[in-house]
Amino acid sequence: MTIAPRQPKPHTAEEYLALEVESEIRHEYRNGEIIPMTGGTPEHNEITGNLIYLLKSVLRGQPYSIFVTDQRLWIPDLDLYTYPDVMVIQRPLELKPGRKDTVTNPVLIAEVLSDSTQGYDRGEKFAAYRTIPTFQEYLLIDQSKAHVEQFVWQSEHQWLFTEYKGLEAQIGLSSVPVEIGLKDLYEGVIGKME
């Protein structure tokens, strides 16, 4: 007689949030499962920091909040909690009811891709982000070469894809009035790519 392996008991969102407040590492909550989020590489952190700086320097004094990795996002349609690498939110912030630490209304999300997460970031995660009514633009940033994929909302079920390659490329963002040069985005990691 063979015994089937026991499936872990799914967690409720409330259990996840209670654990997450006490945790020293970040976790994503997906379909009742609590999934630890891996740490980033130096290149990942350089690129994320550069993007935050470039966004902040242009959007300073405008009605936007810019968040990095530690800001939790709730996706209500899927009851999914995650931590995008970078989010831009047009003020006022909208928070999950009953929470002071979980936002719900990004206009722009950027993910710096890693080998272990790029499939999820391109597929299931992007599909989840598309259920957010305020979400207008998605950037997927390669950390090993100067390459960015941009998806801009056009209409229901239609997103415009634009690909940027090489350090001379310039990205014109659609959701916020910002232009980003890949040379600036990849500052500090360029020498490691050559």
Protein backbone atom coordinates (compact mmCIF):
# COMPACT_ATOMS: atom_id res chain seq x y z
CA MET A 1 0.00 0.00 0.00
CA THR A 2 1.36 3.39 -1.00
CA ILE A 3 0.67 6.46 1.07
CA ALA A 4 0.25 9.69 -0.87
CA PRO A 5 2.35 12.60 0.41
CA ARG A 6 0.43 14.99 2.61
CA GLN A 7 -0.35 18.32 1.02
CA PRO A 8 0.48 21.27 3.25
CA LYS A 9 -2.58 22.91 4.76
CA PRO A 10 -3.33 26.16 2.92
CA HIS A 11 -2.92 29.32 4.95
CA THR A 12 -5.49 32.09 5.13
CA ALA A 13 -4.56 35.62 4.15
CA GLU A 14 -4.99 36.64 7.79
CA GLU A 15 -2.49 33.97 8.90
CA TYR A 16 -0.06 35.16 6.23
CA LEU A 17 -0.33 38.81 7.26
CA ALA A 18 0.17 37.95 10.95
CA LEU A 19 3.27 35.91 10.12
CA GLU A 20 4.62 38.51 7.68
CA VAL A 21 4.56 41.33 10.25
CA GLU A 22 6.86 39.26 12.50
CA SER A 23 9.07 37.81 9.76
CA GLU A 24 12.62 38.98 9.08
CA ILE A 25 12.33 37.98 5.41
CA ARG A 26 9.62 38.80 2.87
CA HIS A 27 7.11 36.26 1.61
CA GLU A 28 4.59 36.23 -1.19
CA TYR A 29 1.09 34.87 -0.53
CA ARG A 30 -0.31 32.92 -3.46
CA ASN A 31 -3.29 30.54 -3.48
CA GLY A 32 -3.00 29.82 0.23
CA GLU A 33 0.74 29.22 0.02
CA ILE A 34 3.37 31.35 1.76
CA ILE A 35 6.43 31.54 -0.48
CA PRO A 36 9.77 33.00 0.70
CA MET A 37 11.21 35.64 -1.62
CA THR A 38 14.86 35.26 -2.53
CA GLY A 39 17.46 37.93 -2.01
CA GLY A 40 18.77 39.93 -4.95
CA THR A 41 22.19 40.06 -6.57
CA PRO A 42 24.38 43.17 -6.45
CA GLU A 43 23.38 43.87 -10.09
CA HIS A 44 19.69 43.56 -9.19
CA ASN A 45 20.12 46.05 -6.35
CA GLU A 46 22.15 48.50 -8.47
CA ILE A 47 19.52 48.52 -11.22
CA THR A 48 16.64 48.85 -8.73
CA GLY A 49 18.41 51.73 -6.97
CA ASN A 50 19.14 53.46 -10.28
CA LEU A 51 15.50 53.17 -11.35
CA ILE A 52 14.27 54.62 -8.06
CA TYR A 53 16.73 57.51 -8.37
CA LEU A 54 15.76 58.24 -11.98
CA LEU A 55 12.04 58.19 -11.16
CA LYS A 56 12.43 60.29 -7.99
CA SER A 57 14.58 62.91 -9.67
CA VAL A 58 11.93 63.60 -12.33
CA LEU A 59 8.75 63.04 -10.28
CA ARG A 60 9.84 65.05 -7.23
CA GLY A 61 7.05 67.45 -6.23
CA GLN A 62 4.47 65.62 -8.37
CA PRO A 63 1.59 63.54 -6.97
CA TYR A 64 3.36 60.18 -7.07
CA SER A 65 4.79 57.83 -4.47
CA ILE A 66 7.64 55.55 -5.49
CA PHE A 67 8.20 52.31 -3.60
CA VAL A 68 10.94 49.73 -3.64
CA THR A 69 11.03 46.03 -2.79
CA ASP A 70 9.75 46.19 0.83
CA GLN A 71 6.31 47.66 0.03
CA ARG A 72 3.61 44.99 -0.02
CA LEU A 73 1.01 45.03 -2.81
CA TRP A 74 -2.38 43.33 -2.51
CA ILE A 75 -4.14 42.14 -5.66
CA PRO A 76 -7.78 41.81 -4.54
CA ASP A 77 -9.16 39.74 -7.44
CA LEU A 78 -6.72 36.92 -6.60
CA ASP A 79 -6.14 37.67 -2.91
CA LEU A 80 -2.45 37.74 -3.81
CA TYR A 81 0.17 39.59 -1.77
CA THR A 82 3.55 40.34 -3.32
CA TYR A 83 6.49 42.75 -3.26
CA PRO A 84 7.30 44.22 -6.69
CA ASP A 85 10.84 45.51 -7.16
CA VAL A 86 9.58 49.04 -7.95
CA MET A 87 6.08 50.55 -7.92
CA VAL A 88 4.83 54.02 -8.78
CA ILE A 89 1.49 54.99 -7.30
CA GLN A 90 -0.44 58.13 -8.09
CA ARG A 91 -1.54 59.75 -4.84
CA PRO A 92 -3.61 59.33 -2.83
CA LEU A 93 -2.42 55.89 -1.81
CA GLU A 94 -5.14 53.31 -1.61
CA LEU A 95 -4.59 50.76 1.14
CA LYS A 96 -6.12 47.36 1.72
CA PRO A 97 -9.08 47.91 4.06
CA GLY A 98 -7.97 47.45 7.66
CA ARG A 99 -4.24 47.64 6.81
CA LYS A 100 -1.73 50.49 6.94
CA ASP A 101 1.08 48.58 5.22
CA THR A 102 -0.42 47.16 2.01
CA VAL A 103 -1.07 49.24 -1.12
CA THR A 104 -3.50 48.44 -3.94
CA ASN A 105 -3.22 51.09 -6.68
CA PRO A 106 0.06 51.09 -8.65
CA VAL A 107 0.17 52.66 -12.12
CA LEU A 108 3.68 51.38 -12.94
CA ILE A 109 5.41 48.20 -11.80
CA ALA A 110 8.98 47.21 -12.65
CA GLU A 111 10.60 43.84 -12.02
CA VAL A 112 14.32 43.17 -12.38
CA LEU A 113 14.52 39.67 -13.82
CA SER A 114 16.51 36.81 -12.39
CA ASP A 115 16.94 33.31 -13.78
CA SER A 116 14.73 31.87 -11.04
CA THR A 117 11.85 34.38 -11.31
CA GLN A 118 11.71 35.56 -14.93
CA GLY A 119 9.16 32.95 -16.02
CA TYR A 120 6.83 33.85 -13.16
CA ASP A 121 7.37 37.62 -13.67
CA ARG A 122 6.51 37.35 -17.38
CA GLY A 123 3.60 34.96 -16.97
CA GLU A 124 1.49 34.39 -13.89
CA LYS A 125 2.63 37.52 -12.06
CA PHE A 126 2.00 39.80 -15.04
CA ALA A 127 -1.45 38.22 -15.46
CA ALA A 128 -2.16 38.96 -11.78
CA TYR A 129 -0.97 42.57 -12.12
CA ARG A 130 -3.30 43.06 -15.10
CA THR A 131 -6.30 42.54 -12.79
CA ILE A 132 -5.43 45.78 -10.94
CA PRO A 133 -7.69 48.55 -12.31
CA THR A 134 -5.07 51.33 -11.93
CA PHE A 135 -2.17 49.34 -13.47
CA GLN A 136 -1.01 50.89 -16.76
CA GLU A 137 2.62 49.96 -17.37
CA TYR A 138 5.03 47.08 -16.73
CA LEU A 139 8.80 47.04 -17.13
CA LEU A 140 10.83 43.82 -17.18
CA ILE A 141 14.50 44.66 -16.75
CA ASP A 142 17.25 42.15 -17.55
CA GLN A 143 20.06 42.26 -14.99
CA SER A 144 22.68 40.55 -17.16
CA LYS A 145 22.51 42.76 -20.28
CA ALA A 146 21.08 46.13 -21.33
CA HIS A 147 17.61 44.92 -22.26
CA VAL A 148 14.18 46.15 -21.09
CA GLU A 149 10.71 45.02 -22.11
CA GLN A 150 7.89 47.54 -21.71
CA PHE A 151 4.19 46.72 -21.71
CA VAL A 152 1.73 49.64 -21.86
CA TRP A 153 -2.03 49.24 -21.39
CA GLN A 154 -3.98 50.21 -24.51
CA SER A 155 -7.48 48.88 -23.83
CA GLU A 156 -9.11 45.90 -22.17
CA HIS A 157 -7.07 42.78 -23.09
CA GLN A 158 -4.61 44.83 -25.19
CA TRP A 159 -1.08 45.78 -24.15
CA LEU A 160 1.56 47.39 -26.37
CA PHE A 161 4.95 45.67 -26.18
CA THR A 162 8.17 47.60 -26.87
CA GLU A 163 11.68 46.18 -26.54
CA TYR A 164 14.78 48.26 -25.74
CA LYS A 165 18.30 46.92 -26.33
CA GLY A 166 21.71 48.48 -25.83
CA LEU A 167 23.00 51.28 -23.67
CA GLU A 168 22.03 53.99 -26.19
CA ALA A 169 18.30 53.16 -25.97
CA GLN A 170 15.85 55.56 -24.28
CA ILE A 171 12.59 54.43 -22.67
CA GLY A 172 9.69 56.88 -22.76
CA LEU A 173 7.37 55.87 -19.94
CA SER A 174 3.66 56.16 -20.59
CA SER A 175 2.14 56.11 -17.09
CA VAL A 176 4.38 58.89 -15.74
CA PRO A 177 6.21 61.71 -17.57
CA VAL A 178 9.68 60.16 -17.36
CA GLU A 179 12.30 59.18 -19.94
CA ILE A 180 15.01 56.74 -18.91
CA GLY A 181 18.27 56.07 -20.70
CA LEU A 182 19.50 52.51 -20.42
CA LYS A 183 23.00 53.88 -19.84
CA ASP A 184 21.68 55.54 -16.65
CA LEU A 185 19.55 52.55 -15.65
CA TYR A 186 22.55 50.21 -15.88
CA GLU A 187 25.08 52.57 -14.28
CA GLY A 188 27.33 50.58 -11.94
CA VAL A 189 26.68 47.27 -13.71
CA ILE A 190 27.83 48.18 -17.23
CA GLY A 191 31.44 47.03 -16.68
CA LYS A 192 30.20 43.67 -15.43
CA MET A 193 28.26 43.13 -18.69
CA GLU A 194 31.24 43.58 -21.00
